[in-house]
N, C-alpha and C. Protein backbone atom coordinates (compact mmCIF):
# COMPACT_ATOMS: atom_id res chain seq x y z
N MET A 1 0.72 -0.65 -0.09
CA MET A 1 0.35 -0.24 -0.22
C MET A 1 0.79 1.21 0.09
N LYS A 2 2.21 1.26 0.74
CA LYS A 2 2.69 2.13 0.58
C LYS A 2 3.38 2.84 -0.48
N CYS A 3 3.70 1.99 -1.26
CA CYS A 3 4.38 1.57 -2.24
C CYS A 3 3.53 2.16 -3.42
N ARG A 4 2.01 1.78 -3.82
CA ARG A 4 0.92 2.56 -4.73
C ARG A 4 0.59 3.90 -3.76
N THR A 5 0.73 4.57 -2.23
CA THR A 5 0.18 5.76 -2.43
C THR A 5 2.18 6.14 -2.66
N PHE A 6 3.38 5.86 -2.85
CA PHE A 6 4.39 7.27 -2.89
C PHE A 6 3.94 7.05 -4.27
N LEU A 7 4.17 6.25 -5.16
CA LEU A 7 4.07 5.92 -6.64
C LEU A 7 3.46 7.28 -7.34
N LEU A 8 1.91 6.45 -6.89
CA LEU A 8 0.67 7.78 -7.34
C LEU A 8 0.92 9.38 -6.85
N ILE A 9 1.68 10.01 -5.54
CA ILE A 9 2.43 11.10 -5.42
C ILE A 9 3.33 11.12 -6.40
N SER A 10 4.02 10.46 -6.64
CA SER A 10 5.12 10.82 -7.56
C SER A 10 4.56 11.25 -8.88
N VAL A 11 4.12 9.94 -9.62
CA VAL A 11 2.81 10.40 -10.61
C VAL A 11 2.70 12.09 -10.85
N LEU A 12 1.52 12.33 -9.48
CA LEU A 12 0.96 13.20 -9.90
C LEU A 12 1.32 15.16 -9.64
N THR A 13 2.85 14.59 -9.19
CA THR A 13 4.12 15.67 -8.56
C THR A 13 4.48 15.94 -10.33
N LEU A 14 4.77 14.85 -11.27
CA LEU A 14 5.43 14.55 -12.15
C LEU A 14 4.15 15.87 -13.41
N LEU A 15 3.25 15.23 -12.61
CA LEU A 15 1.31 15.89 -14.22
C LEU A 15 1.77 17.15 -13.80
N ILE A 16 1.90 17.61 -12.26
CA ILE A 16 1.73 18.60 -11.69
C ILE A 16 3.00 19.81 -12.69
N CYS A 17 3.44 19.73 -12.16
CA CYS A 17 5.28 20.12 -12.39
C CYS A 17 5.00 20.55 -14.65
N CYS A 18 4.74 19.28 -15.11
CA CYS A 18 4.87 19.37 -16.38
C CYS A 18 3.71 20.41 -16.64
N VAL A 19 2.12 20.35 -16.67
CA VAL A 19 1.51 20.71 -16.51
C VAL A 19 1.77 22.75 -16.69
N GLY A 20 2.25 22.58 -15.14
CA GLY A 20 2.57 23.92 -14.59
C GLY A 20 4.09 24.62 -16.26
N CYS A 21 4.79 23.47 -16.74
CA CYS A 21 5.79 23.50 -17.57
C CYS A 21 4.63 24.56 -18.85
N SER A 22 4.04 23.38 -19.80
CA SER A 22 3.59 23.44 -20.86
C SER A 22 2.91 25.37 -20.69
N LYS A 23 2.28 25.64 -19.74
CA LYS A 23 1.31 27.03 -19.44
C LYS A 23 2.63 28.27 -19.53
N GLU A 24 3.21 27.91 -18.82
CA GLU A 24 4.56 29.64 -19.28
C GLU A 24 4.53 29.62 -20.81
N ASN A 25 4.85 28.29 -21.25
CA ASN A 25 5.26 28.57 -22.90
C ASN A 25 3.66 28.98 -23.95
N GLN A 26 3.10 28.64 -23.05
CA GLN A 26 1.64 28.42 -23.79
C GLN A 26 1.39 29.97 -24.57
N VAL A 27 0.52 30.18 -25.92
CA VAL A 27 0.39 31.22 -25.98
C VAL A 27 -1.42 30.99 -26.65
N VAL A 28 -2.11 32.44 -25.88
CA VAL A 28 -3.51 31.81 -25.44
C VAL A 28 -3.77 33.34 -26.53
N GLY A 29 -4.74 31.73 -27.60
CA GLY A 29 -5.43 33.39 -28.09
C GLY A 29 -4.13 33.70 -29.50
N PRO A 30 -5.18 34.53 -30.94
CA PRO A 30 -4.15 34.95 -31.12
C PRO A 30 -3.65 36.33 -31.52
N ALA A 31 -2.42 36.47 -31.58
CA ALA A 31 -1.69 37.51 -32.02
C ALA A 31 -2.06 38.60 -32.34
N SER A 32 -2.19 39.54 -32.14
CA SER A 32 -3.02 41.05 -32.79
C SER A 32 -1.92 42.11 -32.88
N SER A 33 -1.64 42.81 -33.46
CA SER A 33 -1.31 44.36 -33.39
C SER A 33 -2.52 44.94 -33.13
N THR A 34 -2.27 46.37 -32.52
CA THR A 34 -3.02 47.28 -31.62
C THR A 34 -2.79 48.88 -32.79
N THR A 35 -1.94 48.74 -33.79
CA THR A 35 -1.11 50.03 -34.39
C THR A 35 -1.51 49.66 -35.68
N GLY A 36 -1.71 50.57 -36.19
CA GLY A 36 -1.02 50.33 -37.84
C GLY A 36 -0.44 51.30 -38.38
N SER A 37 -0.04 51.48 -39.54
CA SER A 37 0.60 52.87 -40.28
C SER A 37 -0.56 53.21 -41.25
N LEU A 38 -1.15 54.42 -41.20
CA LEU A 38 -2.38 55.15 -41.94
C LEU A 38 -1.16 56.69 -42.84
N LEU A 39 -1.42 56.38 -44.73
CA LEU A 39 -0.59 56.28 -44.98
C LEU A 39 -2.15 57.78 -46.57
N ILE A 40 -2.14 58.56 -46.21
CA ILE A 40 -2.72 59.87 -46.09
C ILE A 40 -2.30 60.62 -48.12
N TRP A 41 -2.55 60.31 -48.86
CA TRP A 41 -2.35 60.76 -50.00
C TRP A 41 -2.84 61.02 -50.83
N THR A 42 -2.50 61.66 -52.05
CA THR A 42 -3.60 61.98 -53.16
C THR A 42 -2.22 62.11 -54.93
N ASP A 43 -3.51 61.52 -55.39
CA ASP A 43 -2.97 61.17 -56.57
C ASP A 43 -3.35 62.71 -57.65
N ASN A 44 -3.56 63.62 -57.07
CA ASN A 44 -3.72 65.13 -57.49
C ASN A 44 -3.17 66.16 -57.76
N PRO A 45 -1.83 66.70 -58.57
CA PRO A 45 -0.55 67.12 -59.25
C PRO A 45 -1.73 68.60 -58.96
N ALA A 46 -2.93 69.13 -59.33
CA ALA A 46 -3.41 70.39 -58.33
C ALA A 46 -3.01 70.36 -57.64
N ARG A 47 -3.22 69.47 -56.58
CA ARG A 47 -3.83 70.51 -54.83
C ARG A 47 -1.80 70.68 -54.61
N PHE A 48 -1.37 70.60 -55.61
CA PHE A 48 0.60 71.02 -55.33
C PHE A 48 0.48 72.36 -56.06
N GLY A 49 -0.63 72.48 -57.29
CA GLY A 49 -0.27 73.80 -58.06
C GLY A 49 -1.15 74.71 -57.95
N SER A 50 -2.68 75.34 -57.39
CA SER A 50 -3.18 76.42 -57.00
C SER A 50 -3.18 75.96 -55.26
N CYS A 51 -2.93 75.03 -54.63
CA CYS A 51 -2.68 74.85 -53.05
C CYS A 51 -1.68 75.58 -52.59
N GLY A 52 -0.99 75.43 -53.13
CA GLY A 52 1.08 75.87 -52.96
C GLY A 52 1.78 73.89 -52.67
N PRO A 53 2.87 74.20 -52.15
CA PRO A 53 4.00 73.78 -52.84
C PRO A 53 3.91 72.47 -51.76
N THR A 54 3.57 72.98 -50.47
CA THR A 54 2.70 71.71 -48.89
C THR A 54 1.57 71.40 -48.95
N LEU A 55 0.95 70.32 -48.37
CA LEU A 55 0.04 70.10 -47.52
C LEU A 55 0.37 70.25 -46.05
N LEU A 56 -0.64 70.24 -45.59
CA LEU A 56 -0.36 69.81 -43.62
C LEU A 56 -1.39 69.11 -43.57
N VAL A 57 -0.96 67.90 -42.86
CA VAL A 57 -2.30 67.24 -42.27
C VAL A 57 -2.52 67.13 -41.14
N THR A 58 -3.72 67.33 -40.25
CA THR A 58 -3.64 67.39 -38.90
C THR A 58 -4.79 65.88 -38.69
N LEU A 59 -4.44 65.40 -37.45
CA LEU A 59 -5.33 64.42 -37.04
C LEU A 59 -6.36 64.89 -35.58
N SER A 60 -7.36 64.63 -35.70
CA SER A 60 -8.19 64.29 -34.34
C SER A 60 -7.03 64.11 -33.26
N SER A 61 -5.98 63.24 -33.30
CA SER A 61 -5.24 63.02 -32.08
C SER A 61 -4.31 63.99 -32.36
N GLY A 62 -4.11 65.38 -32.97
CA GLY A 62 -3.08 66.15 -32.88
C GLY A 62 -1.76 66.04 -33.71
N ALA A 63 -1.97 64.79 -33.95
CA ALA A 63 -0.14 64.45 -34.99
C ALA A 63 -0.45 65.15 -35.71
N GLN A 64 0.63 65.73 -36.67
CA GLN A 64 0.26 66.95 -38.41
C GLN A 64 1.57 66.14 -38.92
N SER A 65 1.70 65.71 -40.33
CA SER A 65 2.56 65.82 -40.95
C SER A 65 2.39 65.66 -42.55
N THR A 66 3.10 66.69 -43.17
CA THR A 66 3.48 67.41 -44.14
C THR A 66 3.52 66.58 -45.41
N ILE A 67 2.82 66.54 -46.39
CA ILE A 67 2.64 66.76 -47.53
C ILE A 67 3.49 66.91 -48.76
N SER A 68 4.79 66.82 -49.59
CA SER A 68 5.46 67.03 -50.23
C SER A 68 5.27 67.21 -51.71
N ASN A 69 4.51 66.21 -52.17
CA ASN A 69 4.13 65.32 -53.94
C ASN A 69 3.05 65.05 -53.95
N TYR A 70 2.46 63.79 -55.02
CA TYR A 70 0.85 63.46 -55.25
C TYR A 70 2.20 62.21 -55.58
N TYR A 71 1.09 61.35 -55.50
CA TYR A 71 1.48 60.02 -56.14
C TYR A 71 1.20 59.77 -58.06
N SER A 72 1.33 58.72 -58.69
CA SER A 72 1.24 58.69 -59.75
C SER A 72 0.52 57.74 -60.05
N SER A 73 0.36 56.55 -58.94
CA SER A 73 -0.43 55.53 -59.01
C SER A 73 -1.32 55.60 -57.42
N THR A 74 -1.70 54.40 -57.63
CA THR A 74 -2.19 54.13 -56.10
C THR A 74 -0.72 53.50 -55.35
N PRO A 75 -0.55 53.99 -53.87
CA PRO A 75 0.01 53.28 -53.02
C PRO A 75 0.62 52.20 -52.87
N SER A 76 0.98 51.29 -53.09
CA SER A 76 0.95 50.18 -52.68
C SER A 76 1.10 49.25 -50.88
N ASN A 77 2.62 50.40 -50.66
CA ASN A 77 2.69 50.50 -49.42
C ASN A 77 2.30 51.07 -48.29
N CYS A 78 2.68 51.46 -47.27
CA CYS A 78 2.36 52.42 -46.35
C CYS A 78 3.68 53.42 -46.23
N ILE A 79 5.28 53.21 -47.41
CA ILE A 79 5.90 53.67 -46.84
C ILE A 79 6.13 55.06 -47.65
N ASP A 80 7.10 55.84 -46.02
CA ASP A 80 6.54 57.64 -45.75
C ASP A 80 8.10 58.06 -47.48
N GLN A 81 6.50 57.87 -48.50
CA GLN A 81 7.52 58.69 -49.86
C GLN A 81 7.71 60.47 -49.62
N PHE A 82 6.85 60.78 -49.99
CA PHE A 82 6.22 61.77 -49.87
C PHE A 82 5.50 62.76 -48.89
N GLY A 83 5.70 62.30 -47.21
CA GLY A 83 4.65 62.64 -46.35
C GLY A 83 3.46 61.99 -45.33
N GLY A 84 2.61 62.39 -44.47
CA GLY A 84 1.15 61.79 -44.73
C GLY A 84 1.67 60.80 -44.04
N THR A 85 2.05 60.24 -44.23
CA THR A 85 2.46 58.69 -43.13
C THR A 85 1.98 58.81 -41.34
N PHE A 86 1.28 58.09 -40.83
CA PHE A 86 1.34 58.18 -39.62
C PHE A 86 1.20 56.39 -39.01
N GLN A 87 1.78 56.50 -37.65
CA GLN A 87 1.58 55.57 -37.30
C GLN A 87 0.86 55.63 -36.22
N LEU A 88 -0.62 54.40 -36.07
CA LEU A 88 -1.79 54.82 -34.78
C LEU A 88 -2.42 53.97 -34.24
N THR A 89 -2.53 54.05 -33.34
CA THR A 89 -3.19 53.03 -32.77
C THR A 89 -4.87 52.55 -33.30
N ALA A 90 -5.46 51.37 -33.44
CA ALA A 90 -6.35 51.00 -34.13
C ALA A 90 -7.44 52.10 -33.60
N GLY A 91 -8.39 52.69 -34.58
CA GLY A 91 -9.68 53.44 -34.47
C GLY A 91 -9.79 54.10 -35.71
N THR A 92 -10.81 54.69 -35.51
CA THR A 92 -11.17 55.41 -36.11
C THR A 92 -11.08 57.58 -36.39
N TYR A 93 -10.05 57.92 -36.99
CA TYR A 93 -9.43 59.27 -36.91
C TYR A 93 -10.56 60.41 -38.17
N THR A 94 -10.58 61.69 -38.04
CA THR A 94 -10.48 62.58 -38.99
C THR A 94 -9.69 63.41 -38.80
N TYR A 95 -9.20 64.31 -39.86
CA TYR A 95 -7.95 64.99 -40.57
C TYR A 95 -8.96 66.32 -41.87
N THR A 96 -7.52 66.68 -41.22
CA THR A 96 -8.13 67.98 -41.56
C THR A 96 -6.56 68.38 -42.78
N VAL A 97 -6.46 68.94 -44.31
CA VAL A 97 -5.88 69.05 -44.56
C VAL A 97 -5.66 70.39 -45.19
N THR A 98 -4.56 71.41 -44.46
CA THR A 98 -4.97 72.66 -45.18
C THR A 98 -3.12 72.47 -45.80
N SER A 99 -3.00 74.15 -46.07
CA SER A 99 -1.99 74.49 -47.21
C SER A 99 -2.06 76.03 -47.21
N LEU A 100 -0.34 76.51 -47.97
CA LEU A 100 -0.93 78.06 -47.48
C LEU A 100 -1.55 78.94 -49.02
N GLY A 101 -2.23 78.14 -49.88
CA GLY A 101 -3.00 78.93 -50.54
C GLY A 101 -4.67 78.70 -50.15
N SER A 102 -4.62 78.53 -49.27
CA SER A 102 -5.93 78.30 -48.57
C SER A 102 -6.92 77.18 -49.32
N CYS A 103 -6.75 76.28 -49.51
CA CYS A 103 -7.54 74.84 -49.43
C CYS A 103 -7.70 73.66 -48.20
N THR A 104 -8.69 73.88 -47.82
CA THR A 104 -9.23 72.68 -47.56
C THR A 104 -10.08 71.89 -47.46
N TYR A 105 -9.37 70.69 -46.93
CA TYR A 105 -9.94 69.11 -47.15
C TYR A 105 -10.43 68.28 -45.83
N THR A 106 -11.80 67.73 -45.97
CA THR A 106 -11.46 67.90 -44.17
C THR A 106 -11.34 66.03 -44.59
N GLY A 107 -11.47 64.81 -43.64
CA GLY A 107 -11.34 63.31 -44.31
C GLY A 107 -11.53 62.74 -43.20
N SER A 108 -12.11 61.18 -42.81
CA SER A 108 -11.47 60.57 -41.34
C SER A 108 -11.35 58.96 -43.05
N ALA A 109 -10.78 58.81 -41.78
CA ALA A 109 -9.93 57.27 -42.00
C ALA A 109 -9.96 55.89 -41.14
N THR A 110 -9.89 54.41 -40.75
CA THR A 110 -10.01 53.67 -40.51
C THR A 110 -9.51 53.02 -40.18
N VAL A 111 -8.67 53.28 -39.18
CA VAL A 111 -6.69 52.23 -39.27
C VAL A 111 -7.42 51.20 -38.09
N VAL A 112 -6.66 49.93 -39.25
CA VAL A 112 -6.77 48.43 -38.97
C VAL A 112 -5.27 47.88 -38.55
N GLY A 113 -5.69 47.28 -36.50
CA GLY A 113 -3.86 46.96 -36.59
C GLY A 113 -3.03 46.30 -37.10
N GLY A 114 -1.72 46.17 -37.15
CA GLY A 114 -0.93 45.51 -38.69
C GLY A 114 -1.23 45.81 -40.02
N LYS A 115 -2.20 46.92 -40.49
CA LYS A 115 -1.83 46.47 -41.74
C LYS A 115 -1.21 48.22 -42.44
N CYS A 116 -1.40 48.22 -43.52
CA CYS A 116 -1.18 49.61 -44.20
C CYS A 116 -2.46 50.04 -44.61
N ASN A 117 -3.03 51.12 -44.00
CA ASN A 117 -4.45 52.14 -43.98
C ASN A 117 -4.60 52.81 -45.34
N LEU A 118 -4.98 53.24 -46.44
CA LEU A 118 -4.91 54.28 -47.44
C LEU A 118 -5.79 55.47 -47.12
N SER A 119 -5.91 56.54 -47.31
CA SER A 119 -7.05 57.19 -47.09
C SER A 119 -6.18 58.42 -48.38
N LYS A 120 -7.24 58.58 -49.34
CA LYS A 120 -7.53 59.58 -50.22
C LYS A 120 -7.35 60.68 -50.27
N ILE A 121 -6.86 62.32 -50.73
CA ILE A 121 -7.38 63.24 -51.04
C ILE A 121 -8.10 63.45 -52.29
N PRO A 122 -9.16 64.28 -52.55
CA PRO A 122 -9.95 63.99 -54.00
C PRO A 122 -9.05 64.95 -54.40
């Protein structure tokens, strides 16, 4: 009887240790990112003729970026080529684009975490 009790206690101790070890290295649930990139862009060269040499983007969060040029086609990523790029917590943001030539545009964009999010100025 003593041998069975000792064996049972040993097996239970080993199981408890192994379960505890595996929980330390276990990933619970899917990994997700809470930040994403936002690129506010335009393909309209007239924005830089009549509006001025640069456009200032101001987000509802207060963050700002200057856009210095237009894209000839839709950007395929959020690499900061001409400005207008932000790293933001996932959520919806409103923005205002202003210029020296008194042009003003407003818009909104939703940022999805872990993604490049694009918002085009008309």
